Amino acid sequence: MRTLISSLLLMISAALPAFAADAPPATPGLGPQALMEEVSQELLNEIDANRDALAKDPARLRAVIDRYLLPHFDTDYAARLVLGKHWRTATAEQRNRFIETFYKALMKDYGDAILEFTADRLRFLPFRGDPNANTATVRTEVRRDSGQTVPVNYTMRRTPEGWKAWDVTIEGISYIRNFRADFGAEVEQHGIEHLIQRLETQGVGAAARPKQAAAPDAAPAKPERGTTR
């Protein structure tokens, strides 16, 4: 009997590493759905309390967005995807400058849109995904004044620091894909330094973006070049 028990224990011990290999690595913090619900609620609560002041003060709005979203947005990963093959040929200094200007462009557009959001208009849809996967999509809906709902989805990835978003898709149009198409064409024609200097000198408003993502009550527009539905 003792020999049988010892054999069983050895078999179980040998099997444990295989089971452990199938499990995803431990990720600190909340899961993707819970994280975005918490961050969105905190952000919208502050915007609700200071909407008029934030609308008049872009720098203050940017600071609010940075405080809530920046720790949970994978800026470096998103910037690499936007530049695509051009990331490999960019210098370290160009990469750092592009990351900064790209994040400003993305958050400027997102800030303009989120000023029109209120907590009672945002609804999180049930999570559809594999909890063990390394990527996830958090689906939400925002209700317009007309009553029409607008899908706003966050694409996220598992990182050693926790789950982080790297793309926002509004009405089926991905910000990352839109930026990649427009910026890629400009880099092909003028070079990456030209793109970075244009963004730095002309400001974040110089970045192209999906027109219907400007605000939840904007009239639908045809997808721009390089966008997908």
Protein backbone atom coordinates (compact mmCIF):
# COMPACT_ATOMS: atom_id res chain seq x y z
CA MET A 1 0.00 0.00 0.00
CA ARG A 2 2.80 2.41 0.92
CA THR A 3 4.49 1.64 -2.40
CA LEU A 4 1.24 2.35 -4.29
CA ILE A 5 0.74 5.70 -2.53
CA SER A 6 4.34 6.69 -3.24
CA SER A 7 3.89 5.84 -6.90
CA LEU A 8 0.72 7.92 -7.13
CA LEU A 9 2.44 10.89 -5.49
CA LEU A 10 5.30 10.64 -7.96
CA MET A 11 2.86 10.58 -10.87
CA ILE A 12 1.01 13.64 -9.56
CA SER A 13 4.27 15.50 -8.98
CA ALA A 14 5.40 14.77 -12.50
CA ALA A 15 2.11 16.00 -13.94
CA LEU A 16 2.05 19.29 -12.05
CA PRO A 17 4.63 21.09 -14.23
CA ALA A 18 2.57 20.27 -17.32
CA PHE A 19 -0.54 21.79 -15.77
CA ALA A 20 1.45 24.82 -14.62
CA ALA A 21 2.78 25.34 -18.14
CA ASP A 22 -0.78 25.60 -19.47
CA ALA A 23 -1.75 28.29 -16.96
CA PRO A 24 -1.01 31.95 -17.82
CA PRO A 25 1.60 33.75 -15.75
CA ALA A 26 0.25 35.61 -12.76
CA THR A 27 -0.72 39.15 -13.76
CA PRO A 28 -0.77 41.86 -11.08
CA GLY A 29 -3.84 44.00 -10.60
CA LEU A 30 -7.36 43.63 -11.90
CA GLY A 31 -8.47 41.70 -14.96
CA PRO A 32 -9.14 43.64 -18.19
CA GLN A 33 -12.88 44.11 -17.71
CA ALA A 34 -12.73 45.07 -14.03
CA LEU A 35 -9.78 47.37 -14.67
CA MET A 36 -11.49 49.35 -17.44
CA GLU A 37 -14.71 49.58 -15.45
CA GLU A 38 -12.85 51.02 -12.47
CA VAL A 39 -10.70 53.43 -14.49
CA SER A 40 -13.62 54.62 -16.63
CA GLN A 41 -15.85 55.21 -13.62
CA GLU A 42 -13.19 57.20 -11.77
CA LEU A 43 -12.35 59.25 -14.88
CA LEU A 44 -15.97 60.01 -15.75
CA ASN A 45 -16.80 60.93 -12.16
CA GLU A 46 -14.09 63.59 -12.21
CA ILE A 47 -15.16 64.84 -15.62
CA ASP A 48 -18.79 65.02 -14.48
CA ALA A 49 -17.73 67.13 -11.51
CA ASN A 50 -15.57 69.55 -13.55
CA ARG A 51 -16.90 69.35 -17.11
CA ASP A 52 -17.14 73.08 -17.85
CA ALA A 53 -13.72 73.88 -16.41
CA LEU A 54 -12.07 70.99 -18.23
CA ALA A 55 -13.65 71.99 -21.55
CA LYS A 56 -12.02 75.42 -21.21
CA ASP A 57 -8.63 74.13 -20.08
CA PRO A 58 -7.08 71.49 -22.38
CA ALA A 59 -3.96 71.20 -20.22
CA ARG A 60 -6.03 70.37 -17.16
CA LEU A 61 -8.07 67.85 -19.14
CA ARG A 62 -4.86 66.21 -20.37
CA ALA A 63 -3.61 65.99 -16.77
CA VAL A 64 -6.82 64.29 -15.68
CA ILE A 65 -6.64 61.77 -18.54
CA ASP A 66 -2.97 61.11 -17.82
CA ARG A 67 -3.68 60.47 -14.15
CA TYR A 68 -6.29 57.81 -14.83
CA LEU A 69 -5.35 56.32 -18.20
CA LEU A 70 -1.59 56.64 -18.65
CA PRO A 71 -0.70 53.95 -16.06
CA HIS A 72 -2.96 51.54 -17.93
CA PHE A 73 -2.13 52.44 -21.55
CA ASP A 74 0.73 50.65 -23.28
CA THR A 75 2.12 53.70 -25.08
CA ASP A 76 5.35 52.09 -26.27
CA TYR A 77 3.59 49.05 -27.74
CA ALA A 78 0.98 51.19 -29.50
CA ALA A 79 3.65 53.48 -30.94
CA ARG A 80 5.61 50.51 -32.31
CA LEU A 81 2.49 49.19 -34.03
CA VAL A 82 1.71 52.57 -35.55
CA LEU A 83 5.20 52.99 -37.02
CA GLY A 84 5.36 49.35 -38.14
CA LYS A 85 8.47 48.66 -40.21
CA HIS A 86 9.66 52.24 -39.72
CA TRP A 87 10.18 51.59 -36.00
CA ARG A 88 13.21 49.42 -36.83
CA THR A 89 14.98 52.19 -38.74
CA ALA A 90 14.18 54.99 -36.27
CA THR A 91 16.88 56.05 -33.82
CA ALA A 92 16.32 55.71 -30.07
CA GLU A 93 15.87 59.49 -29.85
CA GLN A 94 13.31 59.48 -32.67
CA ARG A 95 11.41 56.63 -31.04
CA ASN A 96 11.14 58.49 -27.74
CA ARG A 97 9.98 61.69 -29.44
CA PHE A 98 7.43 59.82 -31.52
CA ILE A 99 6.04 58.00 -28.47
CA GLU A 100 5.46 61.33 -26.75
CA THR A 101 3.86 63.09 -29.73
CA PHE A 102 1.78 60.06 -30.66
CA TYR A 103 0.40 59.70 -27.13
CA LYS A 104 -0.51 63.40 -27.09
CA ALA A 105 -2.33 63.02 -30.41
CA LEU A 106 -4.27 59.98 -29.27
CA MET A 107 -5.21 61.43 -25.87
CA LYS A 108 -6.19 64.78 -27.42
CA ASP A 109 -8.71 63.05 -29.63
CA TYR A 110 -9.87 60.77 -26.83
CA GLY A 111 -10.19 63.76 -24.50
CA ASP A 112 -12.34 65.64 -27.00
CA ALA A 113 -14.65 62.65 -27.24
CA ILE A 114 -14.80 61.79 -23.56
CA LEU A 115 -15.88 65.33 -22.65
CA GLU A 116 -19.19 64.37 -24.25
CA PHE A 117 -19.46 61.17 -22.19
CA THR A 118 -21.27 60.91 -18.88
CA ALA A 119 -21.16 58.02 -16.46
CA ASP A 120 -24.85 57.24 -16.95
CA ARG A 121 -24.37 56.95 -20.73
CA LEU A 122 -21.60 54.37 -20.57
CA ARG A 123 -22.46 50.68 -20.40
CA PHE A 124 -20.02 47.80 -20.22
CA LEU A 125 -21.07 44.73 -22.16
CA PRO A 126 -20.47 41.19 -20.86
CA PHE A 127 -16.91 40.02 -21.34
CA ARG A 128 -16.42 37.57 -24.20
CA GLY A 129 -12.97 36.12 -24.09
CA ASP A 130 -10.65 33.52 -22.72
CA PRO A 131 -9.50 34.59 -19.23
CA ASN A 132 -6.24 32.74 -19.87
CA ALA A 133 -5.46 34.59 -23.11
CA ASN A 134 -2.81 37.27 -23.36
CA THR A 135 -5.11 39.70 -25.18
CA ALA A 136 -8.65 40.87 -24.52
CA THR A 137 -11.29 43.22 -25.87
CA VAL A 138 -13.40 45.18 -23.40
CA ARG A 139 -16.65 46.18 -25.09
CA THR A 140 -18.68 49.22 -24.11
CA GLU A 141 -21.57 51.25 -25.50
CA VAL A 142 -22.08 55.00 -25.22
CA ARG A 143 -25.57 56.43 -25.67
CA ARG A 144 -25.99 59.54 -27.81
CA ASP A 145 -28.51 62.32 -27.19
CA SER A 146 -30.59 60.78 -29.97
CA GLY A 147 -30.72 57.48 -28.09
CA GLN A 148 -28.45 55.73 -30.58
CA THR A 149 -25.70 53.64 -29.01
CA VAL A 150 -22.08 53.88 -30.16
CA PRO A 151 -19.73 50.91 -29.64
CA VAL A 152 -16.45 51.91 -27.99
CA ASN A 153 -14.06 49.00 -27.50
CA TYR A 154 -10.67 48.81 -25.79
CA THR A 155 -8.06 46.33 -27.02
CA MET A 156 -5.82 45.17 -24.18
CA ARG A 157 -2.79 42.99 -23.58
CA ARG A 158 -1.29 41.22 -20.60
CA THR A 159 2.01 42.77 -19.42
CA PRO A 160 4.31 42.20 -16.43
CA GLU A 161 2.86 45.40 -14.92
CA GLY A 162 -0.74 44.29 -15.38
CA TRP A 163 -3.35 44.54 -18.14
CA LYS A 164 -2.93 47.56 -20.41
CA ALA A 165 -4.96 49.01 -23.26
CA TRP A 166 -3.24 49.78 -26.54
CA ASP A 167 -6.07 50.68 -28.92
CA VAL A 168 -9.48 52.32 -28.86
CA THR A 169 -12.04 51.42 -31.53
CA ILE A 170 -15.06 53.70 -31.94
CA GLU A 171 -17.88 52.69 -34.29
CA GLY A 172 -15.68 49.99 -35.76
CA ILE A 173 -12.77 52.29 -36.56
CA SER A 174 -9.46 51.60 -34.84
CA TYR A 175 -7.36 54.59 -33.86
CA ILE A 176 -4.16 52.57 -34.21
CA ARG A 177 -4.96 51.37 -37.73
CA ASN A 178 -6.01 54.85 -38.76
CA PHE A 179 -2.81 56.43 -37.45
CA ARG A 180 -0.70 53.66 -38.96
CA ALA A 181 -2.13 54.19 -42.44
CA ASP A 182 -1.83 57.98 -42.40
CA PHE A 183 1.55 58.18 -40.67
CA GLY A 184 2.97 55.33 -42.75
CA ALA A 185 2.17 57.13 -45.99
CA GLU A 186 3.79 60.31 -44.70
CA VAL A 187 6.94 58.52 -43.56
CA GLU A 188 7.23 56.76 -46.92
CA GLN A 189 7.10 60.11 -48.69
CA HIS A 190 9.01 62.43 -46.37
CA GLY A 191 10.74 60.32 -43.71
CA ILE A 192 10.11 59.76 -40.02
CA GLU A 193 11.88 62.95 -38.91
CA HIS A 194 9.45 65.00 -40.99
CA LEU A 195 6.48 63.31 -39.31
CA ILE A 196 7.84 63.84 -35.80
CA GLN A 197 8.71 67.49 -36.43
CA ARG A 198 5.28 68.14 -37.92
CA LEU A 199 3.56 66.72 -34.87
CA GLU A 200 5.86 68.61 -32.53
CA THR A 201 5.53 71.98 -34.27
CA GLN A 202 1.93 71.92 -35.47
CA GLY A 203 0.56 70.34 -32.32
CA VAL A 204 -1.45 67.25 -31.68
CA GLY A 205 -4.33 68.53 -33.78
CA ALA A 206 -2.20 67.87 -36.85
CA ALA A 207 -2.68 64.13 -36.45
CA ALA A 208 -5.28 62.50 -38.64
CA ARG A 209 -8.08 60.57 -36.98
CA PRO A 210 -11.45 58.97 -37.74
CA LYS A 211 -13.97 61.81 -38.08
CA GLN A 212 -16.86 59.95 -36.46
CA ALA A 213 -14.74 59.35 -33.39
CA ALA A 214 -14.64 63.06 -32.63
CA ALA A 215 -17.62 62.90 -30.29
CA PRO A 216 -20.44 60.46 -29.54
CA ASP A 217 -23.00 62.76 -31.17
CA ALA A 218 -21.01 63.38 -34.36
CA ALA A 219 -22.73 62.50 -37.59
CA PRO A 220 -21.44 59.28 -39.18
CA ALA A 221 -18.70 59.81 -41.76
CA LYS A 222 -17.18 57.60 -44.38
CA PRO A 223 -14.02 55.82 -43.22
CA GLU A 224 -10.85 57.67 -44.13
CA ARG A 225 -8.10 56.08 -46.15
CA GLY A 226 -6.54 53.23 -44.29
CA THR A 227 -9.43 52.67 -41.90
CA THR A 228 -11.34 49.45 -41.56
CA ARG A 229 -14.79 48.42 -40.38
